[in-house]
Each structure stands twice: as structure tokens, then as C-alpha cells.
Amino acid sequence: MTNTPYTPDLVKARLVEAADTLRRLPSARIRAKLTAWPDVVQSAATAYGYEAAQTRPAAPSPEAISRMDETLGWLFWVENDGRRLLWARALGVPWRKLEDLDGRSHVTLKKQHDRLLGEIAQRLAGLPAAMH
């Protein structure tokens, strides 16, 4: 760990960065070549290149991957429900959807989210975690 003053806001930013980095990593799936035949053109629009371009996001830097690995380890310091809440918010899941999935109000979920961010920041700073 570095001498960075860890705050709940910094922990939150690192979780968001980790989610973005993980999204930008290449897929681990291996595409099987089932045939050596070329693909058949299904319509004139695709034959002439009129389909929407599909671009991949830029690959993350090695430093971003290292920070992601470190940050993902922080999630294992909290209980399973808290881990899901922190990761869902890092992915940008709206509070309203989390209310529907979890059954608790957004106020309760926000309080738990803030408490968990604070616990991680305290642990990173070397302070004993507060009792909840």
C-alpha cells in the first residue's frame, strides 16, 4: 500500500475504476471455427458495409489492471451482501433497481453503502474498523 490518504470517496472512485477496467478487458471466450466456409451475406445493407460499427473500448493500462486487482481484494473485507451492494453501485446500478432487488429502501441502502466505504477506508488507513 502507498501513503495515500484513503477516504470513502477515494474507495468509491477506485471501485468505479475497477468496474470500468474489468469491462474493458478482452473476453476470455475462445471462438471456435466451425467451418472454413466464408460467412454468407444476408442482406444488401450488410454486403456494402451499412451496418452500425461495433467498436471495443480501449484496453486498460497495466497500471489500471494492477489497481483493479488490488481494489477487488478490498471487496472480500466486507460481508457478501455488502460486497454485492458495493459492486452494483460501482457498475452504476441505480438505487431504484437495487431497492427492487434487495427489498430495502434506498435510504437504508445508501447508509449501508456509505458505512461499507468507510470501513474499507479505515482498514486501508490502518485504523480499527468501527462496529456496526
N, C-alpha and C. Protein backbone atom coordinates (compact mmCIF):
# COMPACT_ATOMS: atom_id res chain seq x y z
N MET A 1 0.83 -1.18 0.00
CA MET A 1 0.00 0.00 0.00
C MET A 1 0.87 1.24 0.00
N THR A 2 0.37 2.27 -0.58
CA THR A 2 1.10 3.52 -0.63
C THR A 2 0.67 4.41 0.54
N ASN A 3 1.25 5.59 0.63
CA ASN A 3 0.92 6.53 1.69
C ASN A 3 -0.26 7.42 1.30
N THR A 4 -1.13 6.96 0.45
CA THR A 4 -2.30 7.71 0.01
C THR A 4 -3.29 7.80 1.16
N PRO A 5 -3.82 9.00 1.45
CA PRO A 5 -4.85 9.10 2.49
C PRO A 5 -6.17 8.54 1.95
N TYR A 6 -6.53 7.36 2.36
CA TYR A 6 -7.73 6.72 1.85
C TYR A 6 -8.96 7.31 2.51
N THR A 7 -9.91 7.72 1.70
CA THR A 7 -11.19 8.25 2.15
C THR A 7 -12.29 7.41 1.50
N PRO A 8 -13.51 7.48 2.04
CA PRO A 8 -14.61 6.75 1.39
C PRO A 8 -14.79 7.16 -0.07
N ASP A 9 -14.58 8.44 -0.39
CA ASP A 9 -14.72 8.89 -1.78
C ASP A 9 -13.66 8.27 -2.68
N LEU A 10 -12.44 8.13 -2.17
CA LEU A 10 -11.38 7.50 -2.95
C LEU A 10 -11.67 6.02 -3.15
N VAL A 11 -12.15 5.35 -2.12
CA VAL A 11 -12.52 3.94 -2.23
C VAL A 11 -13.62 3.77 -3.28
N LYS A 12 -14.61 4.67 -3.25
CA LYS A 12 -15.70 4.61 -4.22
C LYS A 12 -15.18 4.82 -5.64
N ALA A 13 -14.28 5.79 -5.82
CA ALA A 13 -13.71 6.05 -7.14
C ALA A 13 -12.89 4.85 -7.63
N ARG A 14 -12.17 4.23 -6.72
CA ARG A 14 -11.38 3.05 -7.13
C ARG A 14 -12.28 1.89 -7.52
N LEU A 15 -13.41 1.72 -6.83
CA LEU A 15 -14.34 0.65 -7.20
C LEU A 15 -14.94 0.91 -8.59
N VAL A 16 -15.29 2.16 -8.87
CA VAL A 16 -15.83 2.51 -10.19
C VAL A 16 -14.77 2.27 -11.26
N GLU A 17 -13.52 2.66 -10.97
CA GLU A 17 -12.44 2.44 -11.92
C GLU A 17 -12.22 0.94 -12.16
N ALA A 18 -12.30 0.13 -11.09
CA ALA A 18 -12.11 -1.32 -11.22
C ALA A 18 -13.21 -1.93 -12.10
N ALA A 19 -14.45 -1.47 -11.91
CA ALA A 19 -15.55 -1.98 -12.73
C ALA A 19 -15.34 -1.62 -14.20
N ASP A 20 -14.90 -0.39 -14.45
CA ASP A 20 -14.64 0.04 -15.82
C ASP A 20 -13.47 -0.74 -16.43
N THR A 21 -12.43 -0.95 -15.65
CA THR A 21 -11.26 -1.71 -16.14
C THR A 21 -11.66 -3.13 -16.48
N LEU A 22 -12.43 -3.75 -15.60
CA LEU A 22 -12.87 -5.13 -15.85
C LEU A 22 -13.72 -5.22 -17.11
N ARG A 23 -14.57 -4.19 -17.34
CA ARG A 23 -15.41 -4.16 -18.54
C ARG A 23 -14.57 -4.06 -19.81
N ARG A 24 -13.44 -3.37 -19.72
CA ARG A 24 -12.62 -3.14 -20.91
C ARG A 24 -11.61 -4.25 -21.19
N LEU A 25 -11.49 -5.22 -20.29
CA LEU A 25 -10.58 -6.34 -20.55
C LEU A 25 -11.14 -7.20 -21.68
N PRO A 26 -10.27 -7.81 -22.47
CA PRO A 26 -10.78 -8.68 -23.55
C PRO A 26 -11.47 -9.91 -22.98
N SER A 27 -12.41 -10.40 -23.72
CA SER A 27 -13.17 -11.58 -23.31
C SER A 27 -12.26 -12.80 -23.25
N ALA A 28 -12.53 -13.67 -22.30
CA ALA A 28 -11.75 -14.89 -22.17
C ALA A 28 -12.32 -16.03 -23.01
N ARG A 29 -13.43 -15.75 -23.68
CA ARG A 29 -14.05 -16.79 -24.51
C ARG A 29 -13.22 -17.05 -25.75
N ILE A 30 -13.18 -18.32 -26.13
CA ILE A 30 -12.48 -18.72 -27.35
C ILE A 30 -13.55 -19.05 -28.38
N ARG A 31 -13.49 -18.38 -29.50
CA ARG A 31 -14.45 -18.65 -30.57
C ARG A 31 -13.97 -19.83 -31.40
N ALA A 32 -14.82 -20.82 -31.47
CA ALA A 32 -14.49 -22.00 -32.26
C ALA A 32 -14.82 -21.74 -33.72
N LYS A 33 -13.91 -22.12 -34.58
CA LYS A 33 -14.17 -22.07 -36.01
C LYS A 33 -14.85 -23.37 -36.39
N LEU A 34 -16.13 -23.26 -36.71
CA LEU A 34 -16.88 -24.47 -37.03
C LEU A 34 -16.76 -24.85 -38.49
N THR A 35 -16.41 -23.89 -39.31
CA THR A 35 -16.32 -24.18 -40.72
C THR A 35 -15.29 -23.25 -41.36
N ALA A 36 -14.77 -23.68 -42.46
CA ALA A 36 -13.82 -22.85 -43.19
C ALA A 36 -14.52 -22.04 -44.26
N TRP A 37 -15.83 -22.23 -44.40
CA TRP A 37 -16.58 -21.51 -45.42
C TRP A 37 -16.74 -20.06 -45.00
N PRO A 38 -16.74 -19.14 -45.93
CA PRO A 38 -16.95 -17.73 -45.58
C PRO A 38 -18.39 -17.48 -45.16
N ASP A 39 -18.59 -16.42 -44.37
CA ASP A 39 -19.94 -16.05 -43.97
C ASP A 39 -20.75 -15.63 -45.19
N VAL A 40 -22.03 -15.97 -45.18
CA VAL A 40 -22.92 -15.64 -46.28
C VAL A 40 -23.56 -14.29 -45.98
N VAL A 41 -23.57 -13.41 -46.97
CA VAL A 41 -24.20 -12.11 -46.81
C VAL A 41 -25.70 -12.31 -46.79
N GLN A 42 -26.36 -11.77 -45.74
CA GLN A 42 -27.80 -11.96 -45.58
C GLN A 42 -28.62 -10.83 -46.19
N SER A 43 -28.04 -9.66 -46.35
CA SER A 43 -28.80 -8.56 -46.93
C SER A 43 -27.85 -7.64 -47.68
N ALA A 44 -28.42 -6.82 -48.55
CA ALA A 44 -27.61 -5.89 -49.32
C ALA A 44 -27.00 -4.82 -48.43
N ALA A 45 -27.69 -4.45 -47.36
CA ALA A 45 -27.18 -3.41 -46.46
C ALA A 45 -25.87 -3.86 -45.81
N THR A 46 -25.82 -5.10 -45.35
CA THR A 46 -24.59 -5.57 -44.72
C THR A 46 -23.52 -5.89 -45.76
N ALA A 47 -23.95 -6.18 -46.98
CA ALA A 47 -22.98 -6.51 -48.02
C ALA A 47 -22.12 -5.30 -48.35
N TYR A 48 -22.70 -4.12 -48.25
CA TYR A 48 -21.97 -2.92 -48.60
C TYR A 48 -21.50 -2.13 -47.39
N GLY A 49 -21.54 -2.74 -46.23
CA GLY A 49 -20.99 -2.12 -45.04
C GLY A 49 -21.86 -1.07 -44.40
N TYR A 50 -23.18 -1.20 -44.52
CA TYR A 50 -24.07 -0.20 -43.95
C TYR A 50 -24.55 -0.55 -42.55
N GLU A 51 -23.94 -1.49 -41.91
CA GLU A 51 -24.36 -1.82 -40.55
C GLU A 51 -23.62 -0.92 -39.56
N ALA A 52 -24.18 -0.81 -38.39
CA ALA A 52 -23.58 0.05 -37.36
C ALA A 52 -22.23 -0.51 -36.93
N ALA A 53 -21.29 0.38 -36.78
CA ALA A 53 -19.95 -0.04 -36.37
C ALA A 53 -19.97 -0.48 -34.92
N GLN A 54 -19.28 -1.54 -34.63
CA GLN A 54 -19.16 -2.04 -33.27
C GLN A 54 -17.69 -1.92 -32.87
N THR A 55 -17.42 -1.02 -31.97
CA THR A 55 -16.05 -0.83 -31.52
C THR A 55 -15.90 -1.33 -30.10
N ARG A 56 -14.73 -1.80 -29.81
CA ARG A 56 -14.41 -2.24 -28.46
C ARG A 56 -13.83 -1.06 -27.69
N PRO A 57 -14.10 -1.01 -26.40
CA PRO A 57 -13.45 0.05 -25.63
C PRO A 57 -11.95 -0.17 -25.59
N ALA A 58 -11.22 0.91 -25.38
CA ALA A 58 -9.76 0.81 -25.34
C ALA A 58 -9.33 -0.13 -24.22
N ALA A 59 -8.29 -0.89 -24.48
CA ALA A 59 -7.78 -1.82 -23.47
C ALA A 59 -7.21 -1.03 -22.29
N PRO A 60 -7.42 -1.51 -21.07
CA PRO A 60 -6.91 -0.79 -19.90
C PRO A 60 -5.39 -0.90 -19.82
N SER A 61 -4.78 0.06 -19.16
CA SER A 61 -3.33 0.05 -19.00
C SER A 61 -2.94 -0.99 -17.95
N PRO A 62 -1.70 -1.45 -17.96
CA PRO A 62 -1.24 -2.40 -16.93
C PRO A 62 -1.40 -1.83 -15.52
N GLU A 63 -1.21 -0.52 -15.36
CA GLU A 63 -1.36 0.10 -14.05
C GLU A 63 -2.82 0.02 -13.59
N ALA A 64 -3.75 0.23 -14.52
CA ALA A 64 -5.17 0.15 -14.19
C ALA A 64 -5.55 -1.28 -13.80
N ILE A 65 -4.97 -2.26 -14.46
CA ILE A 65 -5.24 -3.66 -14.13
C ILE A 65 -4.69 -3.99 -12.74
N SER A 66 -3.51 -3.48 -12.42
CA SER A 66 -2.94 -3.71 -11.09
C SER A 66 -3.81 -3.06 -10.01
N ARG A 67 -4.28 -1.83 -10.26
CA ARG A 67 -5.17 -1.17 -9.29
C ARG A 67 -6.48 -1.93 -9.16
N MET A 68 -6.99 -2.48 -10.27
CA MET A 68 -8.22 -3.26 -10.23
C MET A 68 -8.02 -4.49 -9.36
N ASP A 69 -6.91 -5.19 -9.54
CA ASP A 69 -6.65 -6.38 -8.74
C ASP A 69 -6.61 -6.05 -7.25
N GLU A 70 -5.95 -4.95 -6.92
CA GLU A 70 -5.88 -4.54 -5.52
C GLU A 70 -7.27 -4.18 -4.99
N THR A 71 -8.02 -3.42 -5.77
CA THR A 71 -9.33 -2.95 -5.35
C THR A 71 -10.32 -4.10 -5.19
N LEU A 72 -10.29 -5.07 -6.09
CA LEU A 72 -11.20 -6.21 -5.97
C LEU A 72 -10.93 -6.99 -4.69
N GLY A 73 -9.70 -7.02 -4.24
CA GLY A 73 -9.38 -7.67 -2.97
C GLY A 73 -10.05 -6.99 -1.79
N TRP A 74 -10.26 -5.69 -1.88
CA TRP A 74 -10.91 -4.96 -0.80
C TRP A 74 -12.34 -5.45 -0.58
N LEU A 75 -12.99 -5.90 -1.64
CA LEU A 75 -14.38 -6.34 -1.52
C LEU A 75 -14.52 -7.54 -0.59
N PHE A 76 -13.47 -8.32 -0.45
CA PHE A 76 -13.54 -9.51 0.39
C PHE A 76 -13.40 -9.17 1.87
N TRP A 77 -13.21 -7.89 2.20
CA TRP A 77 -13.16 -7.46 3.59
C TRP A 77 -14.55 -7.23 4.15
N VAL A 78 -15.57 -7.22 3.30
CA VAL A 78 -16.94 -6.98 3.76
C VAL A 78 -17.78 -8.22 3.52
N GLU A 79 -18.94 -8.28 4.20
CA GLU A 79 -19.81 -9.44 4.06
C GLU A 79 -20.37 -9.51 2.64
N ASN A 80 -20.95 -10.65 2.33
CA ASN A 80 -21.40 -10.93 0.97
C ASN A 80 -22.44 -9.94 0.46
N ASP A 81 -23.44 -9.60 1.29
CA ASP A 81 -24.47 -8.64 0.85
C ASP A 81 -23.85 -7.28 0.58
N GLY A 82 -22.93 -6.87 1.44
CA GLY A 82 -22.25 -5.59 1.25
C GLY A 82 -21.40 -5.58 0.01
N ARG A 83 -20.77 -6.70 -0.26
CA ARG A 83 -19.94 -6.83 -1.46
C ARG A 83 -20.79 -6.65 -2.71
N ARG A 84 -21.95 -7.26 -2.73
CA ARG A 84 -22.85 -7.12 -3.89
C ARG A 84 -23.32 -5.68 -4.05
N LEU A 85 -23.63 -5.03 -2.93
CA LEU A 85 -24.09 -3.64 -2.98
C LEU A 85 -22.99 -2.72 -3.51
N LEU A 86 -21.79 -2.85 -2.98
CA LEU A 86 -20.68 -2.02 -3.44
C LEU A 86 -20.40 -2.23 -4.92
N TRP A 87 -20.41 -3.48 -5.36
CA TRP A 87 -20.09 -3.76 -6.76
C TRP A 87 -21.21 -3.28 -7.68
N ALA A 88 -22.46 -3.45 -7.24
CA ALA A 88 -23.58 -2.98 -8.06
C ALA A 88 -23.50 -1.47 -8.26
N ARG A 89 -23.19 -0.73 -7.20
CA ARG A 89 -23.07 0.72 -7.33
C ARG A 89 -21.86 1.09 -8.18
N ALA A 90 -20.77 0.33 -8.08
CA ALA A 90 -19.59 0.60 -8.92
C ALA A 90 -19.93 0.41 -10.39
N LEU A 91 -20.82 -0.53 -10.67
CA LEU A 91 -21.26 -0.77 -12.05
C LEU A 91 -22.29 0.25 -12.51
N GLY A 92 -22.79 1.07 -11.58
CA GLY A 92 -23.76 2.10 -11.94
C GLY A 92 -25.20 1.66 -11.87
N VAL A 93 -25.50 0.59 -11.13
CA VAL A 93 -26.89 0.15 -10.98
C VAL A 93 -27.63 1.22 -10.18
N PRO A 94 -28.76 1.70 -10.68
CA PRO A 94 -29.49 2.76 -9.97
C PRO A 94 -30.02 2.28 -8.61
N TRP A 95 -30.18 3.24 -7.69
CA TRP A 95 -30.69 2.91 -6.36
C TRP A 95 -32.09 2.31 -6.47
N ARG A 96 -32.89 2.79 -7.39
CA ARG A 96 -34.27 2.28 -7.53
C ARG A 96 -34.27 0.80 -7.89
N LYS A 97 -33.40 0.40 -8.77
CA LYS A 97 -33.33 -1.02 -9.15
C LYS A 97 -32.82 -1.84 -7.97
N LEU A 98 -31.87 -1.30 -7.21
CA LEU A 98 -31.37 -2.01 -6.03
C LEU A 98 -32.46 -2.17 -4.98
N GLU A 99 -33.33 -1.16 -4.87
CA GLU A 99 -34.47 -1.28 -3.96
C GLU A 99 -35.33 -2.47 -4.35
N ASP A 100 -35.61 -2.59 -5.64
CA ASP A 100 -36.45 -3.69 -6.12
C ASP A 100 -35.77 -5.04 -5.89
N LEU A 101 -34.48 -5.11 -6.11
CA LEU A 101 -33.76 -6.37 -5.97
C LEU A 101 -33.56 -6.77 -4.51
N ASP A 102 -33.33 -5.78 -3.64
CA ASP A 102 -32.97 -6.05 -2.26
C ASP A 102 -34.16 -6.04 -1.31
N GLY A 103 -35.14 -5.18 -1.60
CA GLY A 103 -36.30 -5.09 -0.74
C GLY A 103 -36.18 -4.03 0.34
N ARG A 104 -35.04 -3.38 0.45
CA ARG A 104 -34.86 -2.30 1.43
C ARG A 104 -34.93 -0.97 0.71
N SER A 105 -35.19 0.10 1.48
CA SER A 105 -35.30 1.42 0.89
C SER A 105 -33.94 1.93 0.44
N HIS A 106 -33.97 2.92 -0.46
CA HIS A 106 -32.72 3.48 -0.95
C HIS A 106 -31.97 4.21 0.16
N VAL A 107 -32.69 4.74 1.14
CA VAL A 107 -32.04 5.42 2.26
C VAL A 107 -31.22 4.40 3.07
N THR A 108 -31.82 3.25 3.35
CA THR A 108 -31.11 2.20 4.09
C THR A 108 -29.92 1.69 3.29
N LEU A 109 -30.12 1.49 1.99
CA LEU A 109 -29.03 1.00 1.14
C LEU A 109 -27.89 2.02 1.06
N LYS A 110 -28.24 3.32 0.96
CA LYS A 110 -27.20 4.35 0.92
C LYS A 110 -26.41 4.39 2.22
N LYS A 111 -27.11 4.25 3.35
CA LYS A 111 -26.42 4.24 4.65
C LYS A 111 -25.45 3.06 4.73
N GLN A 112 -25.90 1.88 4.30
CA GLN A 112 -25.03 0.71 4.33
C GLN A 112 -23.85 0.91 3.37
N HIS A 113 -24.12 1.47 2.19
CA HIS A 113 -23.07 1.72 1.21
C HIS A 113 -22.01 2.65 1.78
N ASP A 114 -22.45 3.75 2.38
CA ASP A 114 -21.51 4.70 2.97
C ASP A 114 -20.73 4.08 4.12
N ARG A 115 -21.41 3.27 4.95
CA ARG A 115 -20.73 2.61 6.07
C ARG A 115 -19.65 1.65 5.57
N LEU A 116 -19.97 0.90 4.52
CA LEU A 116 -19.00 -0.06 3.98
C LEU A 116 -17.80 0.65 3.36
N LEU A 117 -18.05 1.74 2.64
CA LEU A 117 -16.94 2.52 2.08
C LEU A 117 -16.05 3.04 3.20
N GLY A 118 -16.67 3.51 4.29
CA GLY A 118 -15.91 3.99 5.43
C GLY A 118 -15.09 2.90 6.09
N GLU A 119 -15.65 1.70 6.21
CA GLU A 119 -14.93 0.58 6.81
C GLU A 119 -13.69 0.21 5.98
N ILE A 120 -13.86 0.18 4.67
CA ILE A 120 -12.72 -0.14 3.81
C ILE A 120 -11.66 0.94 3.92
N ALA A 121 -12.09 2.21 3.92
CA ALA A 121 -11.13 3.32 4.04
C ALA A 121 -10.39 3.25 5.37
N GLN A 122 -11.09 2.92 6.45
CA GLN A 122 -10.44 2.79 7.75
C GLN A 122 -9.43 1.65 7.75
N ARG A 123 -9.80 0.55 7.16
CA ARG A 123 -8.88 -0.59 7.12
C ARG A 123 -7.65 -0.25 6.30
N LEU A 124 -7.83 0.46 5.20
CA LEU A 124 -6.69 0.86 4.38
C LEU A 124 -5.79 1.84 5.11
N ALA A 125 -6.39 2.67 5.95
CA ALA A 125 -5.62 3.65 6.72
C ALA A 125 -4.95 3.01 7.93
N GLY A 126 -5.29 1.76 8.22
CA GLY A 126 -4.68 1.07 9.35
C GLY A 126 -5.42 1.28 10.65
N LEU A 127 -6.61 1.87 10.59
CA LEU A 127 -7.41 2.10 11.79
C LEU A 127 -8.32 0.91 12.03
N PRO A 128 -8.68 0.63 13.27
CA PRO A 128 -9.62 -0.46 13.53
C PRO A 128 -10.99 -0.12 12.95
N ALA A 129 -11.62 -1.10 12.38
CA ALA A 129 -12.93 -0.88 11.76
C ALA A 129 -13.97 -0.61 12.84
N ALA A 130 -14.89 0.29 12.56
CA ALA A 130 -15.95 0.63 13.51
C ALA A 130 -16.95 -0.50 13.58
N MET A 131 -17.50 -0.70 14.74
CA MET A 131 -18.53 -1.73 14.91
C MET A 131 -19.85 -1.19 14.36
N HIS A 132 -20.64 -2.05 13.74
CA HIS A 132 -21.93 -1.60 13.21
C HIS A 132 -23.03 -2.17 14.01
